[in-house]
Amino acid sequence: MGSSRRRPDSIVPAMLAWMYFGNSWETVVSYNEEMIQDKDTGLSDRIKARFMILVTIQMSIVNGHRTREDWRQFRKIQKSMGSIVAVTDTVIEEWRKKDLRLL
């Protein structure tokens, strides 16, 4: 089967559309923020979750799927619902100090 032929049962097109147009990036960040806040989450898992938030935000911007303003708006909405977004806040605060850079 050639690479140009698509399988009709493939979820790849739907997954790519969700990543680009849906709230996929925000879902990953929210999930990891919740993991960090969970008292049952161990230190190593919290460190991994923090890293995932940082990389997710960076890659969404680098790939052109989100802008810094999109992330500021996301933070504002999350806070208005009472969510704690400590790592997201830290990443956005770092933008004020220097340009967003890849790890």
Foldseek 3Di string as FASTA:
>chain_A
DDPVDDDPPDCVVVVVCCVQPNCVLVVLLQVLLVLLVDPPRDPVSNVVSLVSNLQSVLVCVVVPSDHLVRLVVSVVVCVVVVRDRPSSVVNNVVCVVDPRDDD
